[in-house]
Amino acid sequence: MKELEKIVSRLESPDLTLTNALENFEKGVALMKTCDSHLKTAEGKLKELISGEDGEFIERILNASPDSPGEGQSDD
């Protein structure tokens, strides 16, 4: 994420050449794909960890109290 922030900062620079802008943009896209992959992997692991005994997923909002709305079993 820090590297993406640096790239965005560079892209906002008025002194950036078109070639450098394209290089930075390509690096940013590659980093976003990597981050997305990591997030999807983490999501899969979380779903495994919170699956119910019957194999159905129990959907919960992270950092929410047990009485919070939005809890319950999902149709996934």
PDB file of N, CA and C in Angstrom:
ATOM      1  N   MET A   1       0.827  -1.197   0.000  1.00  0.00           N
ATOM      2  CA  MET A   1       0.000   0.000   0.000  1.00  0.00           C
ATOM      3  C   MET A   1       0.870   1.259   0.000  1.00  0.00           C
ATOM      4  N   LYS A   2       1.946   1.210   0.776  1.00  0.00           N
ATOM      5  CA  LYS A   2       2.820   2.388   0.819  1.00  0.00           C
ATOM      6  C   LYS A   2       3.419   2.680  -0.554  1.00  0.00           C
ATOM      7  N   GLU A   3       3.774   1.620  -1.264  1.00  0.00           N
ATOM      8  CA  GLU A   3       4.328   1.810  -2.603  1.00  0.00           C
ATOM      9  C   GLU A   3       3.270   2.398  -3.541  1.00  0.00           C
ATOM     10  N   LEU A   4       2.029   1.953  -3.408  1.00  0.00           N
ATOM     11  CA  LEU A   4       0.952   2.535  -4.225  1.00  0.00           C
ATOM     12  C   LEU A   4       0.770   4.014  -3.916  1.00  0.00           C
ATOM     13  N   GLU A   5       0.861   4.364  -2.637  1.00  0.00           N
ATOM     14  CA  GLU A   5       0.748   5.775  -2.255  1.00  0.00           C
ATOM     15  C   GLU A   5       1.872   6.601  -2.872  1.00  0.00           C
ATOM     16  N   LYS A   6       3.076   6.043  -2.902  1.00  0.00           N
ATOM     17  CA  LYS A   6       4.205   6.746  -3.521  1.00  0.00           C
ATOM     18  C   LYS A   6       3.961   6.941  -5.018  1.00  0.00           C
ATOM     19  N   ILE A   7       3.440   5.898  -5.651  1.00  0.00           N
ATOM     20  CA  ILE A   7       3.171   5.976  -7.092  1.00  0.00           C
ATOM     21  C   ILE A   7       2.117   7.036  -7.380  1.00  0.00           C
ATOM     22  N   VAL A   8       1.071   7.068  -6.586  1.00  0.00           N
ATOM     23  CA  VAL A   8       0.029   8.083  -6.780  1.00  0.00           C
ATOM     24  C   VAL A   8       0.618   9.476  -6.622  1.00  0.00           C
ATOM     25  N   SER A   9       1.462   9.630  -5.622  1.00  0.00           N
ATOM     26  CA  SER A   9       2.104  10.925  -5.401  1.00  0.00           C
ATOM     27  C   SER A   9       2.945  11.328  -6.611  1.00  0.00           C
ATOM     28  N   ARG A  10       3.699  10.370  -7.155  1.00  0.00           N
ATOM     29  CA  ARG A  10       4.506  10.660  -8.348  1.00  0.00           C
ATOM     30  C   ARG A  10       3.621  11.008  -9.545  1.00  0.00           C
ATOM     31  N   LEU A  11       2.517  10.283  -9.682  1.00  0.00           N
ATOM     32  CA  LEU A  11       1.618  10.540 -10.816  1.00  0.00           C
ATOM     33  C   LEU A  11       0.971  11.917 -10.727  1.00  0.00           C
ATOM     34  N   GLU A  12       0.825  12.434  -9.527  1.00  0.00           N
ATOM     35  CA  GLU A  12       0.229  13.761  -9.344  1.00  0.00           C
ATOM     36  C   GLU A  12       1.226  14.887  -9.582  1.00  0.00           C
ATOM     37  N   SER A  13       2.498  14.545  -9.745  1.00  0.00           N
ATOM     38  CA  SER A  13       3.539  15.544  -9.954  1.00  0.00           C
ATOM     39  C   SER A  13       3.396  16.168 -11.344  1.00  0.00           C
ATOM     40  N   PRO A  14       3.458  17.491 -11.425  1.00  0.00           N
ATOM     41  CA  PRO A  14       3.343  18.141 -12.732  1.00  0.00           C
ATOM     42  C   PRO A  14       4.598  17.969 -13.594  1.00  0.00           C
ATOM     43  N   ASP A  15       5.714  17.555 -12.984  1.00  0.00           N
ATOM     44  CA  ASP A  15       6.975  17.418 -13.711  1.00  0.00           C
ATOM     45  C   ASP A  15       7.156  16.058 -14.366  1.00  0.00           C
ATOM     46  N   LEU A  16       6.217  15.160 -14.187  1.00  0.00           N
ATOM     47  CA  LEU A  16       6.352  13.791 -14.666  1.00  0.00           C
ATOM     48  C   LEU A  16       6.198  13.731 -16.186  1.00  0.00           C
ATOM     49  N   THR A  17       7.133  13.037 -16.823  1.00  0.00           N
ATOM     50  CA  THR A  17       7.033  12.864 -18.273  1.00  0.00           C
ATOM     51  C   THR A  17       5.991  11.792 -18.581  1.00  0.00           C
ATOM     52  N   LEU A  18       5.541  11.766 -19.793  1.00  0.00           N
ATOM     53  CA  LEU A  18       4.541  10.777 -20.203  1.00  0.00           C
ATOM     54  C   LEU A  18       5.094   9.364 -20.038  1.00  0.00           C
ATOM     55  N   THR A  19       6.339   9.168 -20.417  1.00  0.00           N
ATOM     56  CA  THR A  19       6.961   7.846 -20.288  1.00  0.00           C
ATOM     57  C   THR A  19       7.000   7.409 -18.825  1.00  0.00           C
ATOM     58  N   ASN A  20       7.433   8.302 -17.948  1.00  0.00           N
ATOM     59  CA  ASN A  20       7.486   7.972 -16.521  1.00  0.00           C
ATOM     60  C   ASN A  20       6.091   7.755 -15.945  1.00  0.00           C
ATOM     61  N   ALA A  21       5.137   8.537 -16.418  1.00  0.00           N
ATOM     62  CA  ALA A  21       3.763   8.369 -15.947  1.00  0.00           C
ATOM     63  C   ALA A  21       3.234   6.989 -16.324  1.00  0.00           C
ATOM     64  N   LEU A  22       3.493   6.555 -17.552  1.00  0.00           N
ATOM     65  CA  LEU A  22       3.039   5.239 -17.993  1.00  0.00           C
ATOM     66  C   LEU A  22       3.731   4.126 -17.207  1.00  0.00           C
ATOM     67  N   GLU A  23       5.023   4.284 -16.946  1.00  0.00           N
ATOM     68  CA  GLU A  23       5.748   3.282 -16.164  1.00  0.00           C
ATOM     69  C   GLU A  23       5.167   3.179 -14.747  1.00  0.00           C
ATOM     70  N   ASN A  24       4.928   4.323 -14.139  1.00  0.00           N
ATOM     71  CA  ASN A  24       4.360   4.334 -12.797  1.00  0.00           C
ATOM     72  C   ASN A  24       2.947   3.758 -12.778  1.00  0.00           C
ATOM     73  N   PHE A  25       2.181   4.102 -13.797  1.00  0.00           N
ATOM     74  CA  PHE A  25       0.817   3.578 -13.890  1.00  0.00           C
ATOM     75  C   PHE A  25       0.843   2.056 -13.995  1.00  0.00           C
ATOM     76  N   GLU A  26       1.723   1.518 -14.837  1.00  0.00           N
ATOM     77  CA  GLU A  26       1.834   0.062 -14.993  1.00  0.00           C
ATOM     78  C   GLU A  26       2.240  -0.602 -13.681  1.00  0.00           C
ATOM     79  N   LYS A  27       3.191  -0.006 -12.965  1.00  0.00           N
ATOM     80  CA  LYS A  27       3.601  -0.539 -11.660  1.00  0.00           C
ATOM     81  C   LYS A  27       2.433  -0.514 -10.684  1.00  0.00           C
ATOM     82  N   GLY A  28       1.675   0.580 -10.714  1.00  0.00           N
ATOM     83  CA  GLY A  28       0.512   0.707  -9.830  1.00  0.00           C
ATOM     84  C   GLY A  28      -0.540  -0.350 -10.108  1.00  0.00           C
ATOM     85  N   VAL A  29      -0.810  -0.599 -11.367  1.00  0.00           N
ATOM     86  CA  VAL A  29      -1.798  -1.616 -11.741  1.00  0.00           C
ATOM     87  C   VAL A  29      -1.332  -2.994 -11.280  1.00  0.00           C
ATOM     88  N   ALA A  30      -0.045  -3.284 -11.467  1.00  0.00           N
ATOM     89  CA  ALA A  30       0.489  -4.581 -11.031  1.00  0.00           C
ATOM     90  C   ALA A  30       0.379  -4.722  -9.508  1.00  0.00           C
ATOM     91  N   LEU A  31       0.693  -3.658  -8.779  1.00  0.00           N
ATOM     92  CA  LEU A  31       0.581  -3.698  -7.319  1.00  0.00           C
ATOM     93  C   LEU A  31      -0.869  -3.867  -6.874  1.00  0.00           C
ATOM     94  N   MET A  32      -1.793  -3.212  -7.571  1.00  0.00           N
ATOM     95  CA  MET A  32      -3.216  -3.352  -7.228  1.00  0.00           C
ATOM     96  C   MET A  32      -3.675  -4.789  -7.438  1.00  0.00           C
ATOM     97  N   LYS A  33      -3.221  -5.421  -8.503  1.00  0.00           N
ATOM     98  CA  LYS A  33      -3.584  -6.819  -8.759  1.00  0.00           C
ATOM     99  C   LYS A  33      -3.042  -7.721  -7.661  1.00  0.00           C
ATOM    100  N   THR A  34      -1.804  -7.452  -7.226  1.00  0.00           N
ATOM    101  CA  THR A  34      -1.206  -8.230  -6.137  1.00  0.00           C
ATOM    102  C   THR A  34      -2.001  -8.044  -4.851  1.00  0.00           C
ATOM    103  N   CYS A  35      -2.346  -6.799  -4.536  1.00  0.00           N
ATOM    104  CA  CYS A  35      -3.133  -6.522  -3.325  1.00  0.00           C
ATOM    105  C   CYS A  35      -4.493  -7.212  -3.398  1.00  0.00           C
ATOM    106  N   ASP A  36      -5.129  -7.146  -4.555  1.00  0.00           N
ATOM    107  CA  ASP A  36      -6.432  -7.782  -4.727  1.00  0.00           C
ATOM    108  C   ASP A  36      -6.333  -9.289  -4.515  1.00  0.00           C
ATOM    109  N   SER A  37      -5.282  -9.885  -5.028  1.00  0.00           N
ATOM    110  CA  SER A  37      -5.072 -11.317  -4.851  1.00  0.00           C
ATOM    111  C   SER A  37      -4.900 -11.668  -3.370  1.00  0.00           C
ATOM    112  N   HIS A  38      -4.114 -10.860  -2.660  1.00  0.00           N
ATOM    113  CA  HIS A  38      -3.911 -11.091  -1.230  1.00  0.00           C
ATOM    114  C   HIS A  38      -5.229 -10.950  -0.458  1.00  0.00           C
ATOM    115  N   LEU A  39      -6.023  -9.955  -0.825  1.00  0.00           N
ATOM    116  CA  LEU A  39      -7.307  -9.747  -0.151  1.00  0.00           C
ATOM    117  C   LEU A  39      -8.258 -10.915  -0.397  1.00  0.00           C
ATOM    118  N   LYS A  40      -8.299 -11.419  -1.619  1.00  0.00           N
ATOM    119  CA  LYS A  40      -9.175 -12.551  -1.928  1.00  0.00           C
ATOM    120  C   LYS A  40      -8.735 -13.806  -1.177  1.00  0.00           C
ATOM    121  N   THR A  41      -7.418 -14.000  -1.064  1.00  0.00           N
ATOM    122  CA  THR A  41      -6.897 -15.138  -0.301  1.00  0.00           C
ATOM    123  C   THR A  41      -7.294 -15.015   1.166  1.00  0.00           C
ATOM    124  N   ALA A  42      -7.128 -13.817   1.715  1.00  0.00           N
ATOM    125  CA  ALA A  42      -7.480 -13.587   3.118  1.00  0.00           C
ATOM    126  C   ALA A  42      -8.978 -13.789   3.335  1.00  0.00           C
ATOM    127  N   GLU A  43      -9.789 -13.328   2.398  1.00  0.00           N
ATOM    128  CA  GLU A  43     -11.242 -13.504   2.500  1.00  0.00           C
ATOM    129  C   GLU A  43     -11.600 -14.984   2.524  1.00  0.00           C
ATOM    130  N   GLY A  44     -10.957 -15.765   1.675  1.00  0.00           N
ATOM    131  CA  GLY A  44     -11.210 -17.208   1.646  1.00  0.00           C
ATOM    132  C   GLY A  44     -10.847 -17.861   2.958  1.00  0.00           C
ATOM    133  N   LYS A  45      -9.733 -17.467   3.542  1.00  0.00           N
ATOM    134  CA  LYS A  45      -9.314 -18.020   4.823  1.00  0.00           C
ATOM    135  C   LYS A  45     -10.296 -17.639   5.922  1.00  0.00           C
ATOM    136  N   LEU A  46     -10.769 -16.393   5.897  1.00  0.00           N
ATOM    137  CA  LEU A  46     -11.736 -15.962   6.901  1.00  0.00           C
ATOM    138  C   LEU A  46     -13.036 -16.746   6.785  1.00  0.00           C
ATOM    139  N   LYS A  47     -13.479 -16.978   5.568  1.00  0.00           N
ATOM    140  CA  LYS A  47     -14.702 -17.753   5.377  1.00  0.00           C
ATOM    141  C   LYS A  47     -14.538 -19.162   5.918  1.00  0.00           C
ATOM    142  N   GLU A  48     -13.354 -19.745   5.721  1.00  0.00           N
ATOM    143  CA  GLU A  48     -13.090 -21.071   6.274  1.00  0.00           C
ATOM    144  C   GLU A  48     -13.175 -21.051   7.790  1.00  0.00           C
ATOM    145  N   LEU A  49     -12.599 -20.028   8.383  1.00  0.00           N
ATOM    146  CA  LEU A  49     -12.540 -19.941   9.834  1.00  0.00           C
ATOM    147  C   LEU A  49     -13.910 -19.732  10.473  1.00  0.00           C
ATOM    148  N   ILE A  50     -14.820 -19.089   9.748  1.00  0.00           N
ATOM    149  CA  ILE A  50     -16.118 -18.799  10.356  1.00  0.00           C
ATOM    150  C   ILE A  50     -17.258 -19.631   9.767  1.00  0.00           C
ATOM    151  N   SER A  51     -16.913 -20.756   9.147  1.00  0.00           N
ATOM    152  CA  SER A  51     -17.985 -21.605   8.635  1.00  0.00           C
ATOM    153  C   SER A  51     -18.623 -22.355   9.803  1.00  0.00           C
ATOM    154  N   GLY A  52     -19.908 -22.558   9.704  1.00  0.00           N
ATOM    155  CA  GLY A  52     -20.647 -23.251  10.753  1.00  0.00           C
ATOM    156  C   GLY A  52     -20.398 -24.751  10.714  1.00  0.00           C
ATOM    157  N   GLU A  53     -20.880 -25.439  11.731  1.00  0.00           N
ATOM    158  CA  GLU A  53     -20.684 -26.888  11.813  1.00  0.00           C
ATOM    159  C   GLU A  53     -21.340 -27.629  10.657  1.00  0.00           C
ATOM    160  N   ASP A  54     -22.440 -27.092  10.150  1.00  0.00           N
ATOM    161  CA  ASP A  54     -23.145 -27.750   9.053  1.00  0.00           C
ATOM    162  C   ASP A  54     -22.557 -27.390   7.678  1.00  0.00           C
ATOM    163  N   GLY A  55     -21.439 -26.645   7.687  1.00  0.00           N
ATOM    164  CA  GLY A  55     -20.789 -26.279   6.439  1.00  0.00           C
ATOM    165  C   GLY A  55     -21.267 -24.968   5.856  1.00  0.00           C
ATOM    166  N   GLU A  56     -22.334 -24.397   6.407  1.00  0.00           N
ATOM    167  CA  GLU A  56     -22.831 -23.119   5.920  1.00  0.00           C
ATOM    168  C   GLU A  56     -22.023 -22.001   6.543  1.00  0.00           C
ATOM    169  N   PHE A  57     -21.818 -20.936   5.784  1.00  0.00           N
ATOM    170  CA  PHE A  57     -21.058 -19.813   6.297  1.00  0.00           C
ATOM    171  C   PHE A  57     -21.910 -18.975   7.235  1.00  0.00           C
ATOM    172  N   ILE A  58     -21.269 -18.518   8.280  1.00  0.00           N
ATOM    173  CA  ILE A  58     -21.898 -17.589   9.199  1.00  0.00           C
ATOM    174  C   ILE A  58     -21.262 -16.238   8.903  1.00  0.00           C
ATOM    175  N   GLU A  59     -22.046 -15.329   8.358  1.00  0.00           N
ATOM    176  CA  GLU A  59     -21.508 -14.045   7.956  1.00  0.00           C
ATOM    177  C   GLU A  59     -21.516 -13.087   9.139  1.00  0.00           C
ATOM    178  N   ARG A  60     -20.370 -12.483   9.413  1.00  0.00           N
ATOM    179  CA  ARG A  60     -20.251 -11.545  10.519  1.00  0.00           C
ATOM    180  C   ARG A  60     -19.501 -10.311  10.063  1.00  0.00           C
ATOM    181  N   ILE A  61     -19.825  -9.215  10.673  1.00  0.00           N
ATOM    182  CA  ILE A  61     -19.083  -7.992  10.433  1.00  0.00           C
ATOM    183  C   ILE A  61     -17.921  -7.992  11.420  1.00  0.00           C
ATOM    184  N   LEU A  62     -16.696  -7.849  10.913  1.00  0.00           N
ATOM    185  CA  LEU A  62     -15.541  -7.863  11.798  1.00  0.00           C
ATOM    186  C   LEU A  62     -15.602  -6.685  12.764  1.00  0.00           C
ATOM    187  N   ASN A  63     -15.150  -6.895  13.977  1.00  0.00           N
ATOM    188  CA  ASN A  63     -15.110  -5.888  15.031  1.00  0.00           C
ATOM    189  C   ASN A  63     -16.492  -5.443  15.476  1.00  0.00           C
ATOM    190  N   ALA A  64     -17.503  -6.235  15.206  1.00  0.00           N
ATOM    191  CA  ALA A  64     -18.858  -5.904  15.624  1.00  0.00           C
ATOM    192  C   ALA A  64     -19.217  -6.743  16.840  1.00  0.00           C
ATOM    193  N   SER A  65     -20.075  -6.202  17.670  1.00  0.00           N
ATOM    194  CA  SER A  65     -20.512  -6.959  18.841  1.00  0.00           C
ATOM    195  C   SER A  65     -21.482  -8.050  18.387  1.00  0.00           C
ATOM    196  N   PRO A  66     -21.652  -9.109  19.172  1.00  0.00           N
ATOM    197  CA  PRO A  66     -22.538 -10.200  18.774  1.00  0.00           C
ATOM    198  C   PRO A  66     -23.982  -9.767  18.549  1.00  0.00           C
ATOM    199  N   ASP A  67     -24.414  -8.669  19.165  1.00  0.00           N
ATOM    200  CA  ASP A  67     -25.800  -8.214  19.020  1.00  0.00           C
ATOM    201  C   ASP A  67     -25.975  -7.262  17.845  1.00  0.00           C
ATOM    202  N   SER A  68     -24.892  -6.993  17.083  1.00  0.00           N
ATOM    203  CA  SER A  68     -24.975  -6.052  15.982  1.00  0.00           C
ATOM    204  C   SER A  68     -25.850  -6.584  14.862  1.00  0.00           C
ATOM    205  N   PRO A  69     -26.581  -5.695  14.178  1.00  0.00           N
ATOM    206  CA  PRO A  69     -27.352  -6.147  13.018  1.00  0.00           C
ATOM    207  C   PRO A  69     -26.414  -6.573  11.907  1.00  0.00           C
ATOM    208  N   GLY A  70     -26.924  -7.384  10.997  1.00  0.00           N
ATOM    209  CA  GLY A  70     -26.136  -7.838   9.873  1.00  0.00           C
ATOM    210  C   GLY A  70     -25.524  -9.190  10.110  1.00  0.00           C
ATOM    211  N   GLU A  71     -25.793  -9.770  11.263  1.00  0.00           N
ATOM    212  CA  GLU A  71     -25.262 -11.100  11.519  1.00  0.00           C
ATOM    213  C   GLU A  71     -26.277 -12.126  11.079  1.00  0.00           C
ATOM    214  N   GLY A  72     -25.829 -13.331  11.015  1.00  0.00           N
ATOM    215  CA  GLY A  72     -26.719 -14.416  10.621  1.00  0.00           C
ATOM    216  C   GLY A  72     -26.077 -15.229   9.542  1.00  0.00           C
ATOM    217  N   GLN A  73     -26.785 -16.234   9.095  1.00  0.00           N
ATOM    218  CA  GLN A  73     -26.221 -17.108   8.084  1.00  0.00           C
ATOM    219  C   GLN A  73     -26.426 -16.513   6.720  1.00  0.00           C
ATOM    220  N   SER A  74     -25.441 -16.707   5.877  1.00  0.00           N
ATOM    221  CA  SER A  74     -25.543 -16.180   4.515  1.00  0.00           C
ATOM    222  C   SER A  74     -25.970 -17.308   3.598  1.00  0.00           C
ATOM    223  N   ASP A  75     -26.346 -16.936   2.384  1.00  0.00           N
ATOM    224  CA  ASP A  75     -26.781 -17.911   1.403  1.00  0.00           C
ATOM    225  C   ASP A  75     -25.639 -18.393   0.527  1.00  0.00           C
ATOM    226  N   ASP A  76     -24.394 -18.002   0.829  1.00  0.00           N
ATOM    227  CA  ASP A  76     -23.235 -18.368  -0.008  1.00  0.00           C
ATOM    228  C   ASP A  76     -23.014 -19.849  -0.006  1.00  0.00           C
TER     229      ASP A  76
END
